[in-house]
Protein backbone atom coordinates (compact mmCIF):
# COMPACT_ATOMS: atom_id res chain seq x y z
CA MET A 1 9.21 -11.26 24.24
CA ASP A 2 10.66 -7.58 23.04
CA ILE A 3 13.60 -8.27 20.15
CA THR A 4 16.23 -5.35 20.15
CA PRO A 5 17.12 -4.15 16.59
CA VAL A 6 20.46 -5.23 15.62
CA SER A 7 21.70 -1.86 14.59
CA GLU A 8 20.69 1.92 15.32
CA ARG A 9 18.62 2.94 12.27
CA ARG A 10 20.10 5.83 9.88
CA ILE A 11 18.91 9.26 10.39
CA THR A 12 16.88 10.22 7.45
CA ARG A 13 14.49 12.91 6.26
CA GLN A 14 10.95 12.06 6.78
CA ILE A 15 8.12 12.48 4.16
CA MET A 16 4.41 11.73 4.13
CA VAL A 17 2.91 9.31 1.85
CA GLY A 18 -0.58 10.13 2.28
CA ASN A 19 -1.27 9.56 6.00
CA VAL A 20 2.03 7.09 6.37
CA PRO A 21 5.22 8.40 7.65
CA VAL A 22 8.65 7.39 5.80
CA GLY A 23 11.72 7.78 7.49
CA GLY A 24 12.83 10.33 9.80
CA GLY A 25 12.48 7.52 12.62
CA ALA A 26 9.20 6.51 11.53
CA PRO A 27 8.24 2.51 11.96
CA ILE A 28 9.82 1.05 8.59
CA THR A 29 6.64 0.44 6.41
CA VAL A 30 5.70 -2.55 3.91
CA GLN A 31 4.81 -1.88 0.16
CA SER A 32 3.45 -4.20 -2.31
CA MET A 33 1.98 -3.71 -5.85
CA THR A 34 -1.11 -5.26 -7.22
CA THR A 35 -1.14 -7.51 -10.28
CA THR A 36 -4.43 -6.54 -11.41
CA LYS A 37 -5.21 -4.05 -14.49
CA THR A 38 -5.58 -0.59 -12.47
CA SER A 39 -8.81 -0.38 -15.07
CA ASP A 40 -10.62 -3.18 -13.20
CA VAL A 41 -11.52 -0.99 -10.04
CA GLU A 42 -13.09 -4.00 -8.12
CA GLY A 43 -10.83 -6.13 -9.12
CA THR A 44 -8.02 -3.97 -7.80
CA LEU A 45 -9.54 -2.69 -4.42
CA GLN A 46 -10.42 -6.54 -3.39
CA GLN A 47 -6.55 -7.12 -3.57
CA ILE A 48 -5.35 -3.40 -2.05
CA TYR A 49 -7.79 -4.76 1.11
CA ALA A 50 -6.12 -8.41 0.83
CA LEU A 51 -2.67 -6.79 0.84
CA ALA A 52 -3.83 -4.41 3.84
CA ALA A 53 -5.06 -7.39 5.81
CA ALA A 54 -1.55 -9.22 4.88
CA GLY A 55 0.38 -6.33 6.60
CA ALA A 56 0.99 -3.87 3.54
CA ASP A 57 0.81 -0.18 4.63
CA ILE A 58 1.14 1.24 1.15
CA VAL A 59 0.18 -0.14 -1.74
CA ARG A 60 1.61 0.52 -5.54
CA CYS A 61 -0.60 0.42 -8.62
CA THR A 62 0.28 0.56 -12.45
CA CYS A 63 -0.84 3.58 -14.58
CA ASN A 64 0.57 2.84 -17.79
CA GLU A 65 -2.64 4.21 -19.67
CA ARG A 66 -5.34 6.43 -19.30
CA ALA A 67 -8.01 3.85 -18.36
CA ALA A 68 -5.49 2.86 -15.57
CA ALA A 69 -5.49 6.49 -14.71
CA GLU A 70 -9.23 6.63 -14.86
CA GLY A 71 -9.46 3.28 -12.44
CA LEU A 72 -7.15 5.30 -10.06
CA ALA A 73 -9.77 8.22 -9.74
CA GLN A 74 -12.09 5.64 -8.36
CA ILE A 75 -9.73 3.41 -6.23
CA VAL A 76 -7.86 6.18 -4.32
CA PRO A 77 -11.00 6.95 -2.24
CA ARG A 78 -11.76 3.75 -1.54
CA SER A 79 -8.55 2.44 -0.73
CA PRO A 80 -7.62 1.64 3.01
CA VAL A 81 -3.76 2.60 2.56
CA PRO A 82 -2.27 4.96 0.36
CA ILE A 83 -1.94 4.53 -3.18
CA ILE A 84 1.02 4.86 -4.90
CA ALA A 85 1.34 5.07 -9.21
CA ASP A 86 3.60 3.58 -11.10
CA ILE A 87 5.03 5.61 -14.23
CA HIS A 88 6.55 4.01 -17.11
CA HIS A 89 7.38 5.79 -20.15
CA GLN A 90 4.86 8.72 -20.45
CA TYR A 91 5.08 11.58 -18.09
CA LYS A 92 1.76 12.77 -18.87
CA MET A 93 0.35 9.59 -17.09
CA ALA A 94 2.29 10.79 -13.74
CA LEU A 95 -0.08 14.05 -14.39
CA ALA A 96 -3.11 12.03 -14.93
CA ALA A 97 -2.35 9.97 -11.74
CA LEU A 98 -2.09 13.37 -9.76
CA ASP A 99 -5.33 14.26 -10.87
CA ALA A 100 -6.52 11.05 -9.59
CA GLY A 101 -5.38 11.96 -6.02
CA VAL A 102 -2.67 9.71 -5.66
CA HIS A 103 -0.72 9.94 -2.78
CA CYS A 104 3.00 9.20 -4.54
CA LEU A 105 4.54 8.58 -7.60
CA ARG A 106 7.16 6.14 -8.51
CA LEU A 107 9.12 7.47 -11.66
CA ASN A 108 11.95 5.16 -13.33
CA PRO A 109 15.08 7.17 -14.47
CA GLY A 110 15.81 4.98 -17.21
CA ASN A 111 12.26 5.57 -18.53
CA ILE A 112 11.23 9.07 -18.40
CA ARG A 113 14.47 10.59 -19.91
CA LYS A 114 13.62 14.28 -20.74
CA PRO A 115 14.70 16.51 -18.39
CA GLU A 116 11.78 18.83 -18.91
CA HIS A 117 9.32 16.09 -18.65
CA ILE A 118 10.81 15.01 -15.20
CA LYS A 119 10.90 18.80 -13.97
CA THR A 120 7.29 19.24 -14.98
CA VAL A 121 6.17 16.39 -12.95
CA ALA A 122 8.27 17.51 -10.18
CA GLU A 123 6.67 20.78 -10.28
CA ALA A 124 2.91 19.45 -10.26
CA CYS A 125 3.82 16.83 -7.21
CA GLY A 126 5.28 20.43 -5.29
CA GLU A 127 2.13 22.03 -5.96
CA LYS A 128 -0.04 19.00 -4.49
CA GLY A 129 2.30 17.95 -1.88
CA VAL A 130 2.74 14.26 -3.49
CA PRO A 131 5.96 12.88 -2.87
CA ILE A 132 8.16 10.94 -5.53
CA ARG A 133 10.14 7.59 -5.40
CA ILE A 134 13.05 7.92 -7.55
CA GLY A 135 13.09 4.15 -8.41
CA VAL A 136 16.52 3.27 -9.96
CA ASN A 137 16.40 -0.18 -11.64
CA GLY A 138 19.35 -2.12 -12.55
CA GLY A 139 17.68 -3.57 -15.91
CA SER A 140 17.05 0.11 -17.01
CA LEU A 141 19.74 2.26 -16.77
CA HIS A 142 20.09 5.04 -19.26
CA PRO A 143 22.35 4.11 -22.03
CA ASP A 144 25.07 6.84 -21.20
CA LEU A 145 25.54 5.40 -17.61
CA TYR A 146 25.79 1.99 -19.18
CA GLU A 147 28.53 2.92 -21.79
CA LYS A 148 30.57 5.44 -18.82
CA TYR A 149 30.82 2.27 -16.70
CA GLY A 150 31.81 0.06 -19.34
CA GLY A 151 28.79 -1.50 -20.53
CA THR A 152 27.68 -3.09 -17.35
CA VAL A 153 25.32 -2.35 -14.12
CA THR A 154 27.77 -1.34 -11.48
CA ALA A 155 26.73 0.22 -7.83
CA ASP A 156 27.88 3.42 -8.84
CA ALA A 157 25.87 3.84 -12.15
CA MET A 158 22.96 3.26 -9.90
CA VAL A 159 23.97 5.77 -7.66
CA GLU A 160 24.53 8.27 -10.25
CA SER A 161 21.34 7.82 -12.04
CA ALA A 162 19.60 8.37 -8.52
CA GLN A 163 21.84 11.83 -8.33
CA GLN A 164 21.03 12.91 -11.65
CA GLU A 165 17.18 12.73 -11.19
CA MET A 166 17.80 14.44 -7.61
CA ALA A 167 19.61 17.25 -9.49
CA TYR A 168 16.79 17.64 -11.93
CA PHE A 169 14.56 18.15 -8.74
CA ASP A 170 16.67 20.36 -7.09
CA GLU A 171 16.24 22.77 -10.07
CA VAL A 172 12.74 23.23 -9.39
CA GLY A 173 13.15 22.84 -5.65
CA PHE A 174 11.27 19.61 -5.06
CA GLU A 175 12.77 17.60 -2.12
CA ASP A 176 9.96 15.21 -1.02
CA ILE A 177 11.67 12.01 -2.40
CA LYS A 178 12.80 8.51 -1.61
CA ILE A 179 15.16 6.60 -3.27
CA SER A 180 15.58 3.11 -4.21
CA VAL A 181 18.65 1.18 -6.24
CA LYS A 182 17.11 -2.06 -6.91
CA ALA A 183 19.05 -4.93 -8.56
CA SER A 184 18.44 -8.43 -9.06
CA SER A 185 21.83 -9.42 -7.82
CA VAL A 186 21.55 -9.12 -4.11
CA PRO A 187 25.61 -8.54 -3.51
CA LEU A 188 24.87 -5.74 -6.21
CA MET A 189 21.95 -4.38 -4.44
CA ILE A 190 23.50 -4.20 -1.07
CA GLU A 191 26.61 -2.42 -2.23
CA ALA A 192 24.29 0.24 -4.24
CA TYR A 193 22.32 0.86 -1.03
CA ARG A 194 25.48 1.14 0.99
CA LYS A 195 26.69 3.73 -1.52
CA LEU A 196 23.54 5.37 -1.42
CA SER A 197 23.28 5.80 2.19
CA ASP A 198 26.72 7.39 2.38
CA VAL A 199 25.65 10.23 -0.20
CA THR A 200 22.06 11.25 0.91
CA ASP A 201 19.63 11.51 3.74
CA HIS A 202 16.57 10.86 1.84
CA PRO A 203 14.42 7.95 3.09
CA LEU A 204 15.40 4.52 1.05
CA HIS A 205 12.99 2.03 -0.05
CA LEU A 206 14.70 -1.44 -0.12
CA GLY A 207 14.28 -4.34 -2.40
CA VAL A 208 15.63 -6.79 -4.50
CA THR A 209 13.77 -6.53 -7.96
CA GLU A 210 12.96 -9.69 -10.06
CA ALA A 211 13.66 -11.94 -7.10
CA GLY A 212 11.50 -14.81 -8.68
CA PRO A 213 9.17 -17.04 -7.10
CA PRO A 214 9.28 -18.67 -3.68
CA PRO A 215 11.09 -20.05 -1.90
CA ASN A 216 14.04 -18.73 -3.87
CA GLY A 217 12.43 -15.40 -4.24
CA LEU A 218 11.87 -14.99 -0.35
CA ILE A 219 15.51 -16.16 -0.03
CA LYS A 220 17.03 -13.61 -2.21
CA SER A 221 14.48 -10.70 -0.99
CA THR A 222 15.33 -11.51 2.81
CA ALA A 223 19.01 -11.72 2.33
CA GLY A 224 19.30 -8.09 0.42
CA ILE A 225 16.56 -6.24 3.00
CA ALA A 226 17.93 -7.99 6.13
CA THR A 227 21.42 -7.25 5.53
CA LEU A 228 20.65 -3.67 5.33
CA LEU A 229 18.24 -3.43 7.80
CA ALA A 230 20.60 -4.86 10.28
CA GLU A 231 23.19 -2.02 8.94
CA GLY A 232 20.29 0.60 10.03
CA ILE A 233 19.66 1.09 6.46
CA GLY A 234 16.43 1.09 4.87
CA ASP A 235 12.77 3.10 5.59
CA THR A 236 10.33 1.02 3.76
CA ILE A 237 10.52 -2.32 2.16
CA ARG A 238 9.14 -4.36 -0.78
CA TYR A 239 9.63 -8.03 -1.75
CA SER A 240 9.48 -8.63 -5.22
CA LEU A 241 8.28 -12.07 -5.95
CA THR A 242 6.76 -13.85 -8.88
CA ALA A 243 3.72 -14.91 -6.71
CA ASP A 244 0.64 -13.58 -5.31
CA PRO A 245 1.42 -10.25 -3.96
CA VAL A 246 -0.13 -11.09 -0.54
CA GLN A 247 2.76 -13.50 -0.02
CA GLU A 248 5.10 -9.95 -0.61
CA ALA A 249 3.00 -8.31 2.17
CA ARG A 250 2.89 -11.22 4.89
CA ALA A 251 6.73 -11.66 4.02
CA GLY A 252 7.67 -7.88 4.27
CA ARG A 253 5.82 -7.66 8.00
CA THR A 254 6.86 -10.79 9.11
CA LEU A 255 10.42 -9.94 8.38
CA LEU A 256 10.35 -6.70 10.13
CA GLU A 257 8.92 -8.12 13.21
CA SER A 258 11.06 -10.81 13.29
CA MET A 259 14.01 -8.57 13.36
CA GLY A 260 12.36 -6.15 16.14
CA LEU A 261 11.65 -3.55 13.75
CA ARG A 262 7.64 -3.46 14.08
CA GLU A 263 5.67 -4.62 16.88
CA ARG A 264 4.02 -8.06 16.64
CA LYS A 265 0.42 -7.16 16.44
CA ASN A 266 -2.68 -9.30 18.14
CA VAL A 267 -5.74 -8.22 15.82
CA ASP A 268 -4.88 -6.67 12.72
CA LEU A 269 -7.22 -4.41 12.32
CA ILE A 270 -7.86 -2.57 8.82
CA ALA A 271 -10.34 -0.04 8.10
CA CYS A 272 -11.37 1.97 4.98
CA PRO A 273 -10.34 5.32 4.95
CA SER A 274 -14.05 6.60 4.83
CA CYS A 275 -15.53 8.53 1.93
CA GLY A 276 -18.98 10.00 0.67
CA ARG A 277 -20.74 6.74 1.14
CA ALA A 278 -19.73 6.25 4.73
CA GLU A 279 -22.91 5.30 7.17
CA ILE A 280 -20.62 5.85 10.43
CA ASP A 281 -17.90 7.57 11.67
CA VAL A 282 -15.16 5.14 10.72
CA TYR A 283 -12.24 6.41 12.43
CA ASP A 284 -14.25 6.45 15.59
CA VAL A 285 -15.52 2.74 15.49
CA ALA A 286 -12.20 1.63 14.20
CA ASN A 287 -10.55 3.39 17.12
CA ARG A 288 -12.98 2.10 19.78
CA ALA A 289 -12.48 -1.42 18.11
CA LEU A 290 -8.76 -1.18 18.66
CA GLU A 291 -9.35 -0.15 22.16
CA ALA A 292 -11.94 -3.11 22.98
CA PHE A 293 -9.37 -5.26 21.40
CA GLY A 294 -6.66 -4.10 23.35
CA GLU A 295 -3.93 -6.67 24.40
CA ARG A 296 -6.30 -9.90 23.83
CA LYS A 297 -4.30 -12.96 22.13
CA ILE A 298 -6.70 -12.89 18.99
CA PRO A 299 -4.39 -13.11 15.61
CA LEU A 300 -7.29 -12.47 13.34
CA GLN A 301 -7.37 -9.83 10.67
CA VAL A 302 -10.75 -7.66 11.32
CA ALA A 303 -12.00 -5.05 9.10
CA VAL A 304 -13.95 -2.11 9.85
CA MET A 305 -16.36 -0.65 6.80
CA GLY A 306 -17.97 2.65 6.23
CA CYS A 307 -20.58 1.14 4.30
CA VAL A 308 -22.33 -2.12 3.10
CA VAL A 309 -22.24 -1.26 -0.81
CA ASN A 310 -18.77 -1.85 -0.90
CA GLY A 311 -17.16 -3.24 2.54
CA PRO A 312 -17.61 -6.86 2.45
CA GLY A 313 -16.30 -7.19 -0.92
CA GLU A 314 -13.28 -5.08 -0.71
CA ALA A 315 -12.48 -6.75 2.59
CA ARG A 316 -13.57 -10.13 1.76
CA ASP A 317 -10.08 -11.64 2.66
CA ALA A 318 -10.36 -10.18 6.25
CA ASP A 319 -11.30 -13.00 8.55
CA LEU A 320 -13.95 -10.80 10.31
CA GLY A 321 -15.31 -7.81 9.13
CA ILE A 322 -18.16 -5.21 9.65
CA ALA A 323 -19.81 -2.78 7.65
CA ALA A 324 -22.55 -0.04 8.38
CA GLY A 325 -25.85 0.41 6.46
CA ASN A 326 -28.86 1.94 7.28
CA LYS A 327 -28.20 2.55 11.31
CA ARG A 328 -27.25 -1.16 11.22
CA GLY A 329 -24.07 -3.36 11.35
CA HIS A 330 -23.62 -6.00 8.70
CA LEU A 331 -21.11 -8.52 10.34
CA PHE A 332 -19.09 -10.81 7.57
CA VAL A 333 -16.79 -13.65 7.83
CA LYS A 334 -14.59 -14.52 5.26
CA GLY A 335 -16.52 -12.17 2.74
CA GLN A 336 -19.95 -13.95 3.96
CA ASN A 337 -22.49 -12.09 5.57
CA VAL A 338 -23.63 -13.81 9.00
CA ALA A 339 -25.51 -11.20 11.07
CA VAL A 340 -26.86 -7.97 11.58
CA VAL A 341 -26.83 -5.87 14.88
CA PRO A 342 -27.28 -2.27 15.85
CA GLU A 343 -25.19 0.56 14.86
CA ASP A 344 -24.34 1.02 18.62
CA GLU A 345 -23.22 -2.69 19.13
CA MET A 346 -21.05 -2.86 16.19
CA VAL A 347 -17.76 -3.04 18.48
CA ASP A 348 -19.29 -5.36 20.96
CA ALA A 349 -19.96 -7.77 18.05
CA LEU A 350 -16.97 -7.71 16.74
CA VAL A 351 -15.18 -8.60 20.00
CA GLU A 352 -17.73 -11.18 20.67
CA TRP A 353 -17.29 -12.95 16.96
CA ALA A 354 -13.58 -12.50 17.06
CA GLU A 355 -13.37 -14.15 20.25
CA PHE A 356 -15.56 -17.06 18.82
CA MET A 357 -13.75 -17.39 15.71
CA HIS A 358 -10.25 -17.71 17.68
CA GLU A 359 -11.84 -20.53 19.95
CA HIS A 360 -13.86 -22.43 17.37
CA GLY A 361 -12.59 -21.55 13.86
CA ALA A 362 -14.27 -19.75 10.96
CA GLU A 363 -16.43 -22.42 9.60
CA ALA A 364 -17.85 -23.10 13.05
CA ALA A 365 -18.75 -19.13 12.91
CA LEU A 366 -20.13 -19.72 9.74
CA ALA A 367 -22.26 -22.81 10.80
CA ARG A 368 -23.79 -21.07 13.49
CA ALA A 369 -24.99 -17.89 11.41
CA ASP A 370 -28.27 -17.73 9.44
CA THR A 371 -26.01 -16.63 6.39
CA VAL A 372 -29.07 -16.47 4.06
CA LYS A 373 -31.12 -13.99 6.13
CA ALA A 374 -27.85 -12.34 6.87
CA LYS A 375 -27.33 -11.83 2.94
CA ARG A 376 -31.15 -10.60 2.48
CA GLU A 377 -30.89 -7.78 4.87
CA ALA A 378 -27.31 -6.48 3.90
CA ASP A 379 -28.57 -6.54 0.37
CA ARG A 380 -31.58 -4.94 1.26
CA ASP A 381 -29.61 -1.85 2.93
CA ARG A 382 -27.08 -1.99 -0.20
CA ASP A 383 -30.00 -1.54 -2.42
CA MET A 384 -31.32 1.56 -0.46
CA LEU A 385 -28.27 2.90 -0.12
CA LEU A 386 -27.61 2.89 -3.86
CA GLU A 387 -31.03 4.46 -4.50
CA LYS A 388 -30.59 7.09 -2.21
CA GLN A 389 -27.02 8.11 -2.68
CA GLY A 390 -26.37 6.91 -6.50
CA ASP A 391 -23.07 5.44 -7.83
CA ASP A 392 -20.95 8.05 -7.79
CA VAL A 393 -20.80 9.42 -4.38
CA ASN A 394 -16.95 10.00 -4.60
CA ASP A 395 -17.13 12.33 -7.78
CA ALA A 396 -14.51 10.04 -9.62
CA GLU A 397 -16.52 10.89 -12.90
CA ALA A 398 -15.48 14.51 -12.65
CA LYS A 399 -11.83 13.31 -11.96
CA VAL A 400 -12.12 10.98 -15.16
CA ASP A 401 -13.22 13.85 -16.91
CA LEU A 402 -10.27 16.06 -15.93
CA ILE A 403 -8.02 13.16 -16.81
CA ARG A 404 -9.50 12.64 -20.28
CA LYS A 405 -8.90 16.53 -21.21
CA ARG A 406 -4.94 16.03 -20.78
């Protein structure tokens, strides 16, 4: 049943975070943030794939040290969704993140305070076509603003902080921004976003910061975000929970679907963005898979991965997936290899296994498979690819060297 949104959405400018549009009438997007050390490339990628499978359109990773920037250089080309770098106090980390190829930066005006540093980052983003989120946080306002507004956090103080940052960007002609004015107080957060929406047409990122663990954190976040969405305010959202970030992505997706702001999906198909190691045309296989699943009522998370080297591990939280290797497709269920099929039968195999799993469950699917043989064949093809292509087909080492020269 279709659900009509409560209110017409406020018209905003549109920016592109990688290949995902934000604002300008585009579907409201769901964001989350990894909790791993960004220098832990494999662990971070596994979490990114889990977030994408749970409904996240964009994922943010911390970039608080050089090792994190070096990790981003390896993560970005293998991520299924655009990556935002969260910058803390060091503006040079923003420049390093740009060298790593991230799709967006998040800057907190309360942390990077020198105008010359802010403008340097904005100019670099302008050259690379990378947007910035001005992330105002009620807990880290500039001391001058605290003093101006009587030593307390107010909605006006938060809005003024965002406007000060925008003024620095204006000086260098940078306009590719989105803005957040988050607070842990729901009434304060709502008031701040209402005031901000009256003075800017830049897209807004909604969230209640430090909402806490579920269920209270879910309730607080939903109260703030849903109130504003019902008024037509907001272009992208994040639940900030003290919990597994997968819960954030699922909560955000569920909220948008419940409010009629995103279409409900049957199969939730995710796919890697392709890279130097891809053995197939990922875009083609993913699109054919979407067409094959069509309107089938199969509520599974299905992954299409370009290679068997990293695919099953990165997408292990998907219910079902397939990865290419040596002209074959390697099917996996819950991260375990279950079958090998010819490359031209990959899509048909996905549909057949999805239908079986929907009817009988994942355990039954694993029970009918020769997992030992399937893993042996996948390992063999993986080793062949590594021997043929080497470990660094995405030139991550060159990016790391560039970062180290900063």
